[in-house]
C-alpha cells in the first residue's frame, strides 16, 4: 500500500503532474511562493554585450497576496509525508545552502517539477513527476 502524500505548491502556478499511469494531478498554488535572491556581477563584455555571473543568496517565502516576505529559516516546515513543490532553482539553493536545516525536518521533503510535458505547439502544460 502506498502512503498518502500531502503536496504543497510553493510556486505561483497551477502544477499539472503526470503520473506513471498517464493520469494528471493538478495542484493549485498554496498562496505562498519560495524565492531565491540573486546578485548579478559583470564578468566580461564581449562585442558590447555584457556577460554576467549570478550569485544566489537567501531563500524567502513570499505571500502572493500581500507580498510579505519571510526568511526560509524562520518558517515552520511541518507536515507528515509532505512534499513542498518549489522551482528547480530554489531546490538547488536548498541543497547548497540549507541542507543541514532540511535534514532536521522529519517527513518534510522539497521537490521540483520533473521533465516538462509540452502540447503540440511546444507550450509547457505539465511535468512528468517530480525531481529530487
Protein backbone atom coordinates (compact mmCIF):
# COMPACT_ATOMS: atom_id res chain seq x y z
CA UNK A 1 0.00 0.00 0.00
CA UNK A 2 1.32 3.45 -0.92
CA UNK A 3 1.49 6.09 1.81
CA UNK A 4 -0.59 9.21 1.34
CA UNK A 5 1.48 12.24 0.35
CA UNK A 6 0.45 15.84 1.02
CA UNK A 7 1.55 18.24 -1.73
CA UNK A 8 2.02 21.96 -1.06
CA UNK A 9 2.68 24.00 -4.20
CA UNK A 10 5.10 26.83 -3.35
CA UNK A 11 5.01 28.26 -6.88
CA UNK A 12 2.53 30.86 -8.18
CA UNK A 13 1.33 28.47 -10.94
CA UNK A 14 -1.03 25.51 -11.15
CA UNK A 15 1.15 22.42 -11.33
CA UNK A 16 -0.08 19.58 -13.55
CA UNK A 17 1.80 16.42 -12.59
CA UNK A 18 1.61 13.47 -14.98
CA UNK A 19 1.57 10.21 -13.03
CA UNK A 20 3.02 6.85 -14.15
CA UNK A 21 -0.38 5.72 -15.46
CA UNK A 22 -0.76 8.88 -17.58
CA UNK A 23 -3.38 10.48 -15.36
CA UNK A 24 -2.83 14.08 -14.25
CA UNK A 25 -2.88 15.52 -10.75
CA UNK A 26 -3.43 19.30 -10.71
CA UNK A 27 -2.03 21.06 -7.65
CA UNK A 28 -3.21 24.61 -7.07
CA UNK A 29 -0.82 27.28 -5.74
CA UNK A 30 -0.78 27.44 -1.94
CA UNK A 31 -0.79 31.23 -1.85
CA UNK A 32 2.89 31.31 -0.87
CA UNK A 33 5.95 31.03 -3.11
CA UNK A 34 9.57 30.26 -2.37
CA UNK A 35 12.04 32.65 -3.98
CA UNK A 36 15.83 32.86 -4.02
CA UNK A 37 17.63 36.20 -4.04
CA UNK A 38 20.30 36.83 -6.66
CA UNK A 39 23.06 39.31 -7.39
CA UNK A 40 24.41 39.86 -10.88
CA UNK A 41 28.07 40.78 -11.30
CA UNK A 42 29.54 41.92 -14.60
CA UNK A 43 32.00 39.25 -15.66
CA UNK A 44 33.02 40.49 -19.09
CA UNK A 45 31.93 42.49 -22.08
CA UNK A 46 32.02 40.78 -25.45
CA UNK A 47 31.37 42.92 -28.52
CA UNK A 48 29.31 45.35 -26.46
CA UNK A 49 27.26 42.57 -24.88
CA UNK A 50 27.62 42.41 -21.10
CA UNK A 51 28.10 38.91 -19.65
CA UNK A 52 27.11 38.47 -16.03
CA UNK A 53 27.86 35.93 -13.35
CA UNK A 54 24.99 35.35 -10.93
CA UNK A 55 25.36 34.58 -7.25
CA UNK A 56 22.34 33.12 -5.46
CA UNK A 57 21.71 34.00 -1.87
CA UNK A 58 18.88 33.79 0.63
CA UNK A 59 15.64 31.89 0.26
CA UNK A 60 12.44 33.68 1.22
CA UNK A 61 8.81 32.68 1.34
CA UNK A 62 6.52 35.33 -0.14
CA UNK A 63 2.81 35.65 0.48
CA UNK A 64 1.47 36.03 -3.06
CA UNK A 65 -1.41 38.31 -1.97
CA UNK A 66 0.35 40.70 0.43
CA UNK A 67 3.91 40.34 -0.97
CA UNK A 68 5.14 39.97 2.63
CA UNK A 69 8.43 38.05 2.75
CA UNK A 70 9.65 35.69 5.46
CA UNK A 71 13.15 34.15 5.57
CA UNK A 72 13.28 30.41 4.82
CA UNK A 73 14.89 29.69 8.20
CA UNK A 74 12.02 31.26 10.15
CA UNK A 75 9.23 29.21 8.52
CA UNK A 76 7.94 26.23 10.47
CA UNK A 77 8.08 23.46 7.86
CA UNK A 78 5.71 20.80 9.13
CA UNK A 79 3.54 18.03 7.87
CA UNK A 80 3.58 14.29 7.78
CA UNK A 81 4.71 12.94 4.42
CA UNK A 82 4.61 16.39 2.85
CA UNK A 83 6.13 17.37 -0.48
CA UNK A 84 6.77 21.09 -0.79
CA UNK A 85 6.99 21.81 -4.52
CA UNK A 86 9.41 24.62 -5.40
CA UNK A 87 11.18 25.79 -8.55
CA UNK A 88 14.25 23.88 -9.69
CA UNK A 89 16.39 26.91 -8.89
CA UNK A 90 15.07 27.03 -5.31
CA UNK A 91 15.55 23.28 -4.91
CA UNK A 92 19.20 23.66 -5.92
CA UNK A 93 19.62 26.54 -3.46
CA UNK A 94 18.08 24.45 -0.65
CA UNK A 95 20.57 21.68 -1.41
CA UNK A 96 23.55 24.02 -1.41
CA UNK A 97 22.71 26.44 1.40
CA UNK A 98 20.09 24.87 3.66
CA UNK A 99 20.80 21.12 3.62
CA UNK A 100 21.62 20.99 7.34
CA UNK A 101 18.27 22.56 8.26
CA UNK A 102 16.31 20.41 5.81
CA UNK A 103 17.85 17.22 7.23
CA UNK A 104 16.31 18.05 10.62
CA UNK A 105 12.77 18.11 9.20
CA UNK A 106 11.23 14.64 9.55
CA UNK A 107 8.78 13.66 6.80
CA UNK A 108 9.11 17.04 5.03
CA UNK A 109 10.54 16.84 1.53
CA UNK A 110 11.30 19.54 -1.01
CA UNK A 111 10.79 18.62 -4.67
CA UNK A 112 10.71 20.42 -8.02
CA UNK A 113 8.66 19.73 -11.13
CA UNK A 114 10.06 16.91 -13.27
CA UNK A 115 10.64 16.90 -17.02
CA UNK A 116 8.35 19.31 -18.88
CA UNK A 117 5.39 18.00 -20.85
CA UNK A 118 4.53 20.19 -23.85
CA UNK A 119 1.50 20.42 -26.12
CA UNK A 120 1.67 20.19 -29.93
CA UNK A 121 2.68 23.87 -30.13
CA UNK A 122 5.54 23.43 -27.67
CA UNK A 123 3.79 25.19 -24.78
CA UNK A 124 4.50 23.68 -21.33
CA UNK A 125 1.35 22.05 -19.96
CA UNK A 126 2.70 19.99 -17.06
CA UNK A 127 5.54 17.84 -15.81
CA UNK A 128 6.42 14.17 -15.64
CA UNK A 129 6.50 13.51 -11.94
CA UNK A 130 8.76 15.36 -9.53
CA UNK A 131 12.51 15.58 -9.12
CA UNK A 132 14.79 15.41 -6.10
